[in-house]
Amino acid sequence: MSAATKSIALLDGSKGILTRETLPDGGDASVMATLGIMERLIIRDAQDERVRKIVAKYKGRTERETAKKLFDFMVANFKYAADPDDREHFTAPVHILTKNSPFPYRDCDDLAGAMAALLTAAGITNSLKVIAWRKTNPPGQYTHVYNEAILDGARVPMDLVMRSSGFNNEKKPIIRSHTWLIGSNVPLPASLQNGSALHDDLQYPDINWDGIGKDILTRALPAPFGKGENVGEILKQHMTAICVASVRQQLMANKDKIILAASAGAALFTTIGFVSAYALQKIRNNKRQAARTAKVRA
């Protein structure tokens, strides 16, 4: 990897260093290189006094309580803000947590990095988890990262992009995932020391996204779509919009046929009405003629 650095002004007037690195060209290698950069800054900033003060303020009676309080702190104070389209931007955790960065970007990697620094400073074993979960070209690309903590001997996912619903929750379906343990020298619980328990690369069956109408979802749902939403929650919350969009799409796609069918139907009803009126009038005329004939005979 090649890198170039320059000095920049932080919001408090102090100086910071902006580093631009050329990563491997796409694919898993680029993602793993990014995770390595994130880990170095997470471990560095977990030692920063400003980060440790935040942890001390939200420390709970147990590791789970501390993790939940820190997660809630992040949700309350930091909202998702996408990177520019042309580059991946990662801000060191300390500058996210102190809101000292001149850059407005806080996407999933920035939020996960800040959360990981807090967990690490609190002495909680944690990792970064990258997943492929939505349709990409080529298929199966990693597009999202979030945190996992080891609490009470079990993995607890923490996805800040999902906001308050992201504690002990994660997006599904997961097509593929990889978990990067922060500070691999941290002792793990015995139950998680079986081989690659925290460094997995799981393959799941392909998901038929077209089968659930991804194009309809994209048009029907509030933007941004594909930025960390829980698809199951989206389907529940916006089912009416999805159904309306689906019906509208079908109507627009088949409008010529529908107009033709409506015209044919109108013509058919008009013809039936005319024939019925003609037949009814003929019956009435026959009855009148029969009545006049009977009167003459009488």
C-alpha atoms as a PDB file:
ATOM      1  CA  MET A   1       0.000   0.000   0.000  1.00  0.00           C
ATOM      2  CA  SER A   2       1.207   3.520  -0.781  1.00  0.00           C
ATOM      3  CA  ALA A   3       0.375   6.459   1.478  1.00  0.00           C
ATOM      4  CA  ALA A   4       0.608  10.255   1.419  1.00  0.00           C
ATOM      5  CA  THR A   5       0.097  12.497   4.447  1.00  0.00           C
ATOM      6  CA  LYS A   6      -0.621  16.157   5.075  1.00  0.00           C
ATOM      7  CA  SER A   7      -1.336  18.323   8.099  1.00  0.00           C
ATOM      8  CA  ILE A   8      -4.922  19.498   8.627  1.00  0.00           C
ATOM      9  CA  ALA A   9      -6.612  21.765  11.185  1.00  0.00           C
ATOM     10  CA  LEU A  10      -8.973  20.090  13.650  1.00  0.00           C
ATOM     11  CA  LEU A  11     -12.066  21.859  14.944  1.00  0.00           C
ATOM     12  CA  ASP A  12     -10.427  22.725  18.268  1.00  0.00           C
ATOM     13  CA  GLY A  13      -7.603  24.528  16.442  1.00  0.00           C
ATOM     14  CA  SER A  14      -5.027  21.784  16.939  1.00  0.00           C
ATOM     15  CA  LYS A  15      -3.308  19.964  14.085  1.00  0.00           C
ATOM     16  CA  GLY A  16      -4.074  16.500  12.793  1.00  0.00           C
ATOM     17  CA  ILE A  17      -2.660  14.251  10.079  1.00  0.00           C
ATOM     18  CA  LEU A  18      -4.697  13.238   7.015  1.00  0.00           C
ATOM     19  CA  THR A  19      -3.363  10.048   5.435  1.00  0.00           C
ATOM     20  CA  ARG A  20      -4.392   8.891   1.975  1.00  0.00           C
ATOM     21  CA  GLU A  21      -3.582   5.253   1.265  1.00  0.00           C
ATOM     22  CA  THR A  22      -3.970   3.329  -1.958  1.00  0.00           C
ATOM     23  CA  LEU A  23      -5.434  -0.028  -0.980  1.00  0.00           C
ATOM     24  CA  PRO A  24      -5.437  -3.280  -2.954  1.00  0.00           C
ATOM     25  CA  ASP A  25      -7.757  -3.002  -5.917  1.00  0.00           C
ATOM     26  CA  GLY A  26     -11.183  -3.968  -4.588  1.00  0.00           C
ATOM     27  CA  GLY A  27     -12.414  -7.277  -3.243  1.00  0.00           C
ATOM     28  CA  ASP A  28     -11.608  -8.900   0.086  1.00  0.00           C
ATOM     29  CA  ALA A  29      -7.984  -7.715   0.128  1.00  0.00           C
ATOM     30  CA  SER A  30      -9.109  -4.074   0.238  1.00  0.00           C
ATOM     31  CA  VAL A  31     -11.578  -4.794   3.049  1.00  0.00           C
ATOM     32  CA  MET A  32      -8.976  -6.654   5.126  1.00  0.00           C
ATOM     33  CA  ALA A  33      -6.464  -3.837   4.650  1.00  0.00           C
ATOM     34  CA  THR A  34      -9.091  -1.359   5.880  1.00  0.00           C
ATOM     35  CA  LEU A  35      -9.821  -3.511   8.931  1.00  0.00           C
ATOM     36  CA  GLY A  36      -6.109  -3.554   9.747  1.00  0.00           C
ATOM     37  CA  ILE A  37      -5.937   0.248   9.617  1.00  0.00           C
ATOM     38  CA  MET A  38      -9.049   0.499  11.781  1.00  0.00           C
ATOM     39  CA  GLU A  39      -7.629  -1.885  14.392  1.00  0.00           C
ATOM     40  CA  ARG A  40      -4.386   0.084  14.751  1.00  0.00           C
ATOM     41  CA  LEU A  41      -6.279   3.323  15.386  1.00  0.00           C
ATOM     42  CA  ILE A  42      -8.791   1.619  17.699  1.00  0.00           C
ATOM     43  CA  ILE A  43      -6.033   0.234  19.925  1.00  0.00           C
ATOM     44  CA  ARG A  44      -4.184   3.557  19.886  1.00  0.00           C
ATOM     45  CA  ASP A  45      -7.243   5.636  20.788  1.00  0.00           C
ATOM     46  CA  ALA A  46      -8.443   3.214  23.469  1.00  0.00           C
ATOM     47  CA  GLN A  47      -5.471   4.500  25.485  1.00  0.00           C
ATOM     48  CA  ASP A  48      -6.455   8.156  25.017  1.00  0.00           C
ATOM     49  CA  GLU A  49      -7.571   9.873  28.214  1.00  0.00           C
ATOM     50  CA  ARG A  50     -10.545  11.497  26.467  1.00  0.00           C
ATOM     51  CA  VAL A  51     -11.854   8.079  25.435  1.00  0.00           C
ATOM     52  CA  ARG A  52     -11.254   6.618  28.877  1.00  0.00           C
ATOM     53  CA  LYS A  53     -13.230   9.454  30.483  1.00  0.00           C
ATOM     54  CA  ILE A  54     -16.258   8.543  28.392  1.00  0.00           C
ATOM     55  CA  VAL A  55     -15.930   4.903  29.447  1.00  0.00           C
ATOM     56  CA  ALA A  56     -15.628   5.873  33.116  1.00  0.00           C
ATOM     57  CA  LYS A  57     -18.792   7.958  32.864  1.00  0.00           C
ATOM     58  CA  TYR A  58     -20.851   5.087  31.439  1.00  0.00           C
ATOM     59  CA  LYS A  59     -19.317   2.177  33.314  1.00  0.00           C
ATOM     60  CA  GLY A  60     -21.931  -0.300  34.566  1.00  0.00           C
ATOM     61  CA  ARG A  61     -21.927  -3.003  37.206  1.00  0.00           C
ATOM     62  CA  THR A  62     -21.270  -5.718  34.614  1.00  0.00           C
ATOM     63  CA  GLU A  63     -19.576  -5.828  31.215  1.00  0.00           C
ATOM     64  CA  ARG A  64     -22.977  -6.263  29.528  1.00  0.00           C
ATOM     65  CA  GLU A  65     -24.364  -3.207  31.303  1.00  0.00           C
ATOM     66  CA  THR A  66     -21.272  -1.187  30.384  1.00  0.00           C
ATOM     67  CA  ALA A  67     -21.505  -2.284  26.744  1.00  0.00           C
ATOM     68  CA  LYS A  68     -25.199  -1.368  26.590  1.00  0.00           C
ATOM     69  CA  LYS A  69     -24.597   2.063  28.174  1.00  0.00           C
ATOM     70  CA  LEU A  70     -21.759   2.791  25.735  1.00  0.00           C
ATOM     71  CA  PHE A  71     -23.922   1.635  22.820  1.00  0.00           C
ATOM     72  CA  ASP A  72     -26.774   3.912  23.943  1.00  0.00           C
ATOM     73  CA  PHE A  73     -24.303   6.807  24.273  1.00  0.00           C
ATOM     74  CA  MET A  74     -23.202   6.281  20.665  1.00  0.00           C
ATOM     75  CA  VAL A  75     -26.796   6.062  19.388  1.00  0.00           C
ATOM     76  CA  ALA A  76     -27.778   9.267  21.211  1.00  0.00           C
ATOM     77  CA  ASN A  77     -24.794  11.315  20.014  1.00  0.00           C
ATOM     78  CA  PHE A  78     -23.696  10.078  16.596  1.00  0.00           C
ATOM     79  CA  LYS A  79     -25.838   9.640  13.507  1.00  0.00           C
ATOM     80  CA  TYR A  80     -24.929   7.926  10.263  1.00  0.00           C
ATOM     81  CA  ALA A  81     -23.437  10.152   7.550  1.00  0.00           C
ATOM     82  CA  ALA A  82     -22.273   8.531   4.305  1.00  0.00           C
ATOM     83  CA  ASP A  83     -18.785   8.771   2.834  1.00  0.00           C
ATOM     84  CA  PRO A  84     -18.232  10.625  -0.450  1.00  0.00           C
ATOM     85  CA  ASP A  85     -18.928   8.400  -3.453  1.00  0.00           C
ATOM     86  CA  ASP A  86     -15.355   8.279  -4.723  1.00  0.00           C
ATOM     87  CA  ARG A  87     -13.465   7.107  -1.630  1.00  0.00           C
ATOM     88  CA  GLU A  88     -13.562   5.185   1.651  1.00  0.00           C
ATOM     89  CA  HIS A  89     -13.057   7.603   4.546  1.00  0.00           C
ATOM     90  CA  PHE A  90     -12.218   6.449   8.075  1.00  0.00           C
ATOM     91  CA  THR A  91     -11.838   8.921  10.962  1.00  0.00           C
ATOM     92  CA  ALA A  92      -9.809   7.888  14.006  1.00  0.00           C
ATOM     93  CA  PRO A  93     -12.101   6.997  16.935  1.00  0.00           C
ATOM     94  CA  VAL A  94     -10.876   9.781  19.217  1.00  0.00           C
ATOM     95  CA  HIS A  95     -11.837  12.428  16.648  1.00  0.00           C
ATOM     96  CA  ILE A  96     -15.297  10.893  16.189  1.00  0.00           C
ATOM     97  CA  LEU A  97     -15.889  10.699  19.941  1.00  0.00           C
ATOM     98  CA  THR A  98     -14.695  14.274  20.603  1.00  0.00           C
ATOM     99  CA  LYS A  99     -16.466  15.601  17.465  1.00  0.00           C
ATOM    100  CA  ASN A 100     -13.177  17.227  16.574  1.00  0.00           C
ATOM    101  CA  SER A 101     -12.932  16.098  12.950  1.00  0.00           C
ATOM    102  CA  PRO A 102     -13.402  18.652  10.150  1.00  0.00           C
ATOM    103  CA  PHE A 103     -14.988  15.896   8.049  1.00  0.00           C
ATOM    104  CA  PRO A 104     -18.729  15.213   8.402  1.00  0.00           C
ATOM    105  CA  TYR A 105     -18.545  11.540   7.438  1.00  0.00           C
ATOM    106  CA  ARG A 106     -19.700   8.929   9.967  1.00  0.00           C
ATOM    107  CA  ASP A 107     -20.642   5.799   8.081  1.00  0.00           C
ATOM    108  CA  CYS A 108     -20.607   2.241   9.403  1.00  0.00           C
ATOM    109  CA  ASP A 109     -16.807   1.937   9.706  1.00  0.00           C
ATOM    110  CA  ASP A 110     -16.451   5.244  11.579  1.00  0.00           C
ATOM    111  CA  LEU A 111     -19.214   4.314  14.037  1.00  0.00           C
ATOM    112  CA  ALA A 112     -17.872   0.791  14.492  1.00  0.00           C
ATOM    113  CA  GLY A 113     -14.341   2.107  15.045  1.00  0.00           C
ATOM    114  CA  ALA A 114     -15.464   4.532  17.750  1.00  0.00           C
ATOM    115  CA  MET A 115     -17.548   1.833  19.451  1.00  0.00           C
ATOM    116  CA  ALA A 116     -14.641  -0.604  19.331  1.00  0.00           C
ATOM    117  CA  ALA A 117     -12.325   1.965  20.970  1.00  0.00           C
ATOM    118  CA  LEU A 118     -14.822   2.401  23.822  1.00  0.00           C
ATOM    119  CA  LEU A 119     -15.209  -1.356  24.299  1.00  0.00           C
ATOM    120  CA  THR A 120     -11.444  -1.869  24.186  1.00  0.00           C
ATOM    121  CA  ALA A 121     -10.885   0.923  26.720  1.00  0.00           C
ATOM    122  CA  ALA A 122     -13.477  -0.757  28.948  1.00  0.00           C
ATOM    123  CA  GLY A 123     -11.541  -4.032  28.773  1.00  0.00           C
ATOM    124  CA  ILE A 124     -14.326  -5.827  26.878  1.00  0.00           C
ATOM    125  CA  THR A 125     -13.232  -8.377  24.270  1.00  0.00           C
ATOM    126  CA  ASN A 126     -14.623  -7.217  20.954  1.00  0.00           C
ATOM    127  CA  SER A 127     -14.306  -7.555  17.215  1.00  0.00           C
ATOM    128  CA  LEU A 128     -15.297  -5.969  13.923  1.00  0.00           C
ATOM    129  CA  LYS A 129     -17.613  -8.018  11.741  1.00  0.00           C
ATOM    130  CA  VAL A 130     -17.894  -7.382   8.004  1.00  0.00           C
ATOM    131  CA  ILE A 131     -20.763  -8.923   6.078  1.00  0.00           C
ATOM    132  CA  ALA A 132     -22.134  -9.351   2.598  1.00  0.00           C
ATOM    133  CA  TRP A 133     -25.892  -9.084   2.945  1.00  0.00           C
ATOM    134  CA  ARG A 134     -27.345  -7.340  -0.093  1.00  0.00           C
ATOM    135  CA  LYS A 135     -27.154  -7.759  -3.841  1.00  0.00           C
ATOM    136  CA  THR A 136     -23.807  -6.633  -5.302  1.00  0.00           C
ATOM    137  CA  ASN A 137     -21.965  -6.970  -8.584  1.00  0.00           C
ATOM    138  CA  PRO A 138     -19.981  -9.174  -8.394  1.00  0.00           C
ATOM    139  CA  PRO A 139     -22.074 -11.096  -5.825  1.00  0.00           C
ATOM    140  CA  GLY A 140     -21.027 -11.582  -2.208  1.00  0.00           C
ATOM    141  CA  GLN A 141     -19.025  -8.385  -1.647  1.00  0.00           C
ATOM    142  CA  TYR A 142     -18.565  -7.109   1.888  1.00  0.00           C
ATOM    143  CA  THR A 143     -20.574  -3.878   2.206  1.00  0.00           C
ATOM    144  CA  HIS A 144     -21.159  -3.378   5.940  1.00  0.00           C
ATOM    145  CA  VAL A 145     -19.198  -3.512   9.206  1.00  0.00           C
ATOM    146  CA  TYR A 146     -20.354  -3.438  12.821  1.00  0.00           C
ATOM    147  CA  ASN A 147     -19.236  -4.517  16.288  1.00  0.00           C
ATOM    148  CA  GLU A 148     -19.398  -7.729  18.261  1.00  0.00           C
ATOM    149  CA  ALA A 149     -18.600  -8.032  21.953  1.00  0.00           C
ATOM    150  CA  ILE A 150     -18.031 -11.163  24.012  1.00  0.00           C
ATOM    151  CA  LEU A 151     -20.477 -10.843  26.904  1.00  0.00           C
ATOM    152  CA  ASP A 152     -21.280 -13.661  29.306  1.00  0.00           C
ATOM    153  CA  GLY A 153     -19.351 -16.042  27.064  1.00  0.00           C
ATOM    154  CA  ALA A 154     -21.401 -15.317  23.945  1.00  0.00           C
ATOM    155  CA  ARG A 155     -21.124 -13.066  20.914  1.00  0.00           C
ATOM    156  CA  VAL A 156     -23.350 -10.003  21.084  1.00  0.00           C
ATOM    157  CA  PRO A 157     -23.649  -8.052  17.808  1.00  0.00           C
ATOM    158  CA  MET A 158     -23.948  -4.266  18.042  1.00  0.00           C
ATOM    159  CA  ASP A 159     -24.900  -2.465  14.843  1.00  0.00           C
ATOM    160  CA  LEU A 160     -25.012   1.308  15.358  1.00  0.00           C
ATOM    161  CA  VAL A 161     -26.424   1.908  11.894  1.00  0.00           C
ATOM    162  CA  MET A 162     -29.569   0.112  13.067  1.00  0.00           C
ATOM    163  CA  ARG A 163     -29.768   2.666  15.887  1.00  0.00           C
ATOM    164  CA  SER A 164     -31.407   1.526  19.149  1.00  0.00           C
ATOM    165  CA  SER A 165     -32.604  -1.761  17.639  1.00  0.00           C
ATOM    166  CA  GLY A 166     -29.010  -2.758  16.824  1.00  0.00           C
ATOM    167  CA  PHE A 167     -27.954  -4.013  20.260  1.00  0.00           C
ATOM    168  CA  ASN A 168     -27.788  -7.827  20.166  1.00  0.00           C
ATOM    169  CA  ASN A 169     -29.179  -7.644  16.645  1.00  0.00           C
ATOM    170  CA  GLU A 170     -27.819  -7.758  13.107  1.00  0.00           C
ATOM    171  CA  LYS A 171     -29.013  -7.624   9.521  1.00  0.00           C
ATOM    172  CA  LYS A 172     -30.256 -10.791   7.902  1.00  0.00           C
ATOM    173  CA  PRO A 173     -29.882 -12.694   5.738  1.00  0.00           C
ATOM    174  CA  ILE A 174     -26.078 -12.749   5.948  1.00  0.00           C
ATOM    175  CA  ILE A 175     -24.609 -14.149   2.731  1.00  0.00           C
ATOM    176  CA  ARG A 176     -20.977 -14.105   3.892  1.00  0.00           C
ATOM    177  CA  SER A 177     -19.086 -12.754   6.909  1.00  0.00           C
ATOM    178  CA  HIS A 178     -15.621 -12.270   8.399  1.00  0.00           C
ATOM    179  CA  THR A 179     -14.851 -11.348  12.013  1.00  0.00           C
ATOM    180  CA  TRP A 180     -11.685  -9.414  12.936  1.00  0.00           C
ATOM    181  CA  LEU A 181     -10.741  -9.647  16.613  1.00  0.00           C
ATOM    182  CA  ILE A 182      -9.390  -6.392  18.076  1.00  0.00           C
ATOM    183  CA  GLY A 183      -6.045  -7.072  19.785  1.00  0.00           C
ATOM    184  CA  SER A 184      -5.607 -10.780  19.137  1.00  0.00           C
ATOM    185  CA  ASN A 185      -3.508 -11.127  22.293  1.00  0.00           C
ATOM    186  CA  VAL A 186      -6.651 -10.698  24.432  1.00  0.00           C
ATOM    187  CA  PRO A 187      -7.494 -13.997  26.187  1.00  0.00           C
ATOM    188  CA  LEU A 188     -10.728 -15.543  24.940  1.00  0.00           C
ATOM    189  CA  PRO A 189     -13.274 -17.568  26.915  1.00  0.00           C
ATOM    190  CA  ALA A 190     -12.555 -21.289  26.626  1.00  0.00           C
ATOM    191  CA  SER A 191     -15.852 -21.849  24.804  1.00  0.00           C
ATOM    192  CA  LEU A 192     -14.659 -19.595  21.985  1.00  0.00           C
ATOM    193  CA  GLN A 193     -11.134 -20.908  21.612  1.00  0.00           C
ATOM    194  CA  ASN A 194     -12.030 -23.708  19.189  1.00  0.00           C
ATOM    195  CA  GLY A 195      -9.995 -22.943  16.100  1.00  0.00           C
ATOM    196  CA  SER A 196     -11.266 -19.939  14.145  1.00  0.00           C
ATOM    197  CA  ALA A 197     -14.216 -19.154  16.417  1.00  0.00           C
ATOM    198  CA  LEU A 198     -13.672 -15.400  16.090  1.00  0.00           C
ATOM    199  CA  HIS A 199     -12.146 -15.392  12.623  1.00  0.00           C
ATOM    200  CA  ASP A 200     -14.749 -16.952  10.403  1.00  0.00           C
ATOM    201  CA  ASP A 201     -15.415 -16.688   6.697  1.00  0.00           C
ATOM    202  CA  LEU A 202     -18.877 -18.138   6.320  1.00  0.00           C
ATOM    203  CA  GLN A 203     -20.669 -18.862   3.064  1.00  0.00           C
ATOM    204  CA  TYR A 204     -24.461 -18.959   2.984  1.00  0.00           C
ATOM    205  CA  PRO A 205     -26.776 -19.985   0.127  1.00  0.00           C
ATOM    206  CA  ASP A 206     -27.396 -17.313  -2.484  1.00  0.00           C
ATOM    207  CA  ILE A 207     -30.420 -15.166  -1.772  1.00  0.00           C
ATOM    208  CA  ASN A 208     -32.940 -14.618  -4.558  1.00  0.00           C
ATOM    209  CA  TRP A 209     -33.249 -10.872  -4.125  1.00  0.00           C
ATOM    210  CA  ASP A 210     -35.261 -10.516  -7.321  1.00  0.00           C
ATOM    211  CA  GLY A 211     -37.767 -12.912  -5.799  1.00  0.00           C
ATOM    212  CA  ILE A 212     -38.641 -10.391  -3.067  1.00  0.00           C
ATOM    213  CA  GLY A 213     -38.805  -7.489  -5.467  1.00  0.00           C
ATOM    214  CA  LYS A 214     -35.621  -5.552  -4.701  1.00  0.00           C
ATOM    215  CA  ASP A 215     -36.405  -2.996  -7.404  1.00  0.00           C
ATOM    216  CA  ILE A 216     -39.817  -2.364  -5.868  1.00  0.00           C
ATOM    217  CA  LEU A 217     -38.261  -2.065  -2.417  1.00  0.00           C
ATOM    218  CA  THR A 218     -35.712   0.432  -3.656  1.00  0.00           C
ATOM    219  CA  ARG A 219     -38.360   2.688  -5.161  1.00  0.00           C
ATOM    220  CA  ALA A 220     -40.905   2.327  -2.354  1.00  0.00           C
ATOM    221  CA  LEU A 221     -38.758   2.843   0.726  1.00  0.00           C
ATOM    222  CA  PRO A 222     -37.278   6.018   2.195  1.00  0.00           C
ATOM    223  CA  ALA A 223     -33.685   6.787   1.161  1.00  0.00           C
ATOM    224  CA  PRO A 224     -31.021   5.738   1.763  1.00  0.00           C
ATOM    225  CA  PHE A 225     -31.688   2.067   1.035  1.00  0.00           C
ATOM    226  CA  GLY A 226     -28.838  -0.392   1.555  1.00  0.00           C
ATOM    227  CA  LYS A 227     -27.174   1.670   4.280  1.00  0.00           C
ATOM    228  CA  GLY A 228     -27.540  -0.774   7.088  1.00  0.00           C
ATOM    229  CA  GLU A 229     -31.269  -1.277   7.375  1.00  0.00           C
ATOM    230  CA  ASN A 230     -32.802  -4.447   8.736  1.00  0.00           C
ATOM    231  CA  VAL A 231     -34.749  -5.811   5.766  1.00  0.00           C
ATOM    232  CA  GLY A 232     -37.209  -7.670   7.983  1.00  0.00           C
ATOM    233  CA  GLU A 233     -38.047  -4.494   9.905  1.00  0.00           C
ATOM    234  CA  ILE A 234     -38.362  -2.548   6.656  1.00  0.00           C
ATOM    235  CA  LEU A 235     -40.814  -5.084   5.276  1.00  0.00           C
ATOM    236  CA  LYS A 236     -42.929  -4.870   8.439  1.00  0.00           C
ATOM    237  CA  GLN A 237     -42.864  -1.090   8.693  1.00  0.00           C
ATOM    238  CA  HIS A 238     -43.417  -0.304   5.027  1.00  0.00           C
ATOM    239  CA  MET A 239     -45.531  -3.216   3.777  1.00  0.00           C
ATOM    240  CA  THR A 240     -48.319  -0.892   2.630  1.00  0.00           C
ATOM    241  CA  ALA A 241     -45.901   1.253   0.631  1.00  0.00           C
ATOM    242  CA  ILE A 242     -44.327  -1.849  -0.888  1.00  0.00           C
ATOM    243  CA  CYS A 243     -47.709  -3.301  -1.887  1.00  0.00           C
ATOM    244  CA  VAL A 244     -48.888   0.015  -3.343  1.00  0.00           C
ATOM    245  CA  ALA A 245     -45.641   0.379  -5.279  1.00  0.00           C
ATOM    246  CA  SER A 246     -45.960  -3.184  -6.572  1.00  0.00           C
ATOM    247  CA  VAL A 247     -49.539  -2.637  -7.749  1.00  0.00           C
ATOM    248  CA  ARG A 248     -48.619   0.707  -9.306  1.00  0.00           C
ATOM    249  CA  GLN A 249     -45.674  -0.856 -11.107  1.00  0.00           C
ATOM    250  CA  GLN A 250     -47.882  -3.574 -12.572  1.00  0.00           C
ATOM    251  CA  LEU A 251     -50.506  -1.039 -13.644  1.00  0.00           C
ATOM    252  CA  MET A 252     -47.921   1.174 -15.352  1.00  0.00           C
ATOM    253  CA  ALA A 253     -46.185  -1.772 -17.015  1.00  0.00           C
ATOM    254  CA  ASN A 254     -49.471  -3.060 -18.452  1.00  0.00           C
ATOM    255  CA  LYS A 255     -51.359   0.215 -18.975  1.00  0.00           C
ATOM    256  CA  ASP A 256     -51.835  -0.328 -22.743  1.00  0.00           C
ATOM    257  CA  LYS A 257     -53.341  -3.748 -22.164  1.00  0.00           C
ATOM    258  CA  ILE A 258     -55.484  -2.400 -19.342  1.00  0.00           C
ATOM    259  CA  ILE A 259     -56.787   0.474 -21.521  1.00  0.00           C
ATOM    260  CA  LEU A 260     -57.526  -1.967 -24.356  1.00  0.00           C
ATOM    261  CA  ALA A 261     -59.303  -4.334 -21.993  1.00  0.00           C
ATOM    262  CA  ALA A 262     -61.274  -1.471 -20.448  1.00  0.00           C
ATOM    263  CA  SER A 263     -62.293  -0.234 -23.906  1.00  0.00           C
ATOM    264  CA  ALA A 264     -63.334  -3.724 -24.950  1.00  0.00           C
ATOM    265  CA  GLY A 265     -65.254  -4.090 -21.701  1.00  0.00           C
ATOM    266  CA  ALA A 266     -67.015  -0.767 -22.239  1.00  0.00           C
ATOM    267  CA  ALA A 267     -67.893  -1.724 -25.808  1.00  0.00           C
ATOM    268  CA  LEU A 268     -69.190  -5.090 -24.601  1.00  0.00           C
ATOM    269  CA  PHE A 269     -71.361  -3.511 -21.912  1.00  0.00           C
ATOM    270  CA  THR A 270     -72.658  -0.948 -24.403  1.00  0.00           C
ATOM    271  CA  THR A 271     -73.546  -3.693 -26.886  1.00  0.00           C
ATOM    272  CA  ILE A 272     -75.230  -5.768 -24.198  1.00  0.00           C
ATOM    273  CA  GLY A 273     -77.178  -2.717 -23.054  1.00  0.00           C
ATOM    274  CA  PHE A 274     -78.284  -1.912 -26.598  1.00  0.00           C
ATOM    275  CA  VAL A 275     -79.334  -5.498 -27.343  1.00  0.00           C
ATOM    276  CA  SER A 276     -81.183  -5.699 -24.032  1.00  0.00           C
ATOM    277  CA  ALA A 277     -82.995  -2.407 -24.657  1.00  0.00           C
ATOM    278  CA  TYR A 278     -83.925  -3.525 -28.207  1.00  0.00           C
ATOM    279  CA  ALA A 279     -85.215  -6.880 -26.966  1.00  0.00           C
ATOM    280  CA  LEU A 280     -87.194  -5.248 -24.152  1.00  0.00           C
ATOM    281  CA  GLN A 281     -88.756  -2.755 -26.552  1.00  0.00           C
ATOM    282  CA  LYS A 282     -89.728  -5.566 -28.920  1.00  0.00           C
ATOM    283  CA  ILE A 283     -91.400  -7.461 -26.074  1.00  0.00           C
ATOM    284  CA  ARG A 284     -93.343  -4.343 -25.091  1.00  0.00           C
ATOM    285  CA  ASN A 285     -94.457  -3.775 -28.706  1.00  0.00           C
ATOM    286  CA  ASN A 286     -95.620  -7.382 -28.995  1.00  0.00           C
ATOM    287  CA  LYS A 287     -97.660  -7.054 -25.799  1.00  0.00           C
ATOM    288  CA  ARG A 288     -99.280  -3.832 -27.056  1.00  0.00           C
ATOM    289  CA  GLN A 289    -100.117  -5.434 -30.412  1.00  0.00           C
ATOM    290  CA  ALA A 290    -101.626  -8.460 -28.676  1.00  0.00           C
ATOM    291  CA  ALA A 291    -103.716  -6.181 -26.441  1.00  0.00           C
ATOM    292  CA  ARG A 292    -105.080  -4.222 -29.443  1.00  0.00           C
ATOM    293  CA  THR A 293    -105.957  -7.434 -31.313  1.00  0.00           C
ATOM    294  CA  ALA A 294    -107.828  -8.803 -28.324  1.00  0.00           C
ATOM    295  CA  LYS A 295    -109.812  -5.563 -27.983  1.00  0.00           C
ATOM    296  CA  VAL A 296    -110.876  -5.573 -31.673  1.00  0.00           C
ATOM    297  CA  ARG A 297    -112.063  -9.195 -31.411  1.00  0.00           C
ATOM    298  CA  ALA A 298    -114.113  -8.381 -28.364  1.00  0.00           C
END
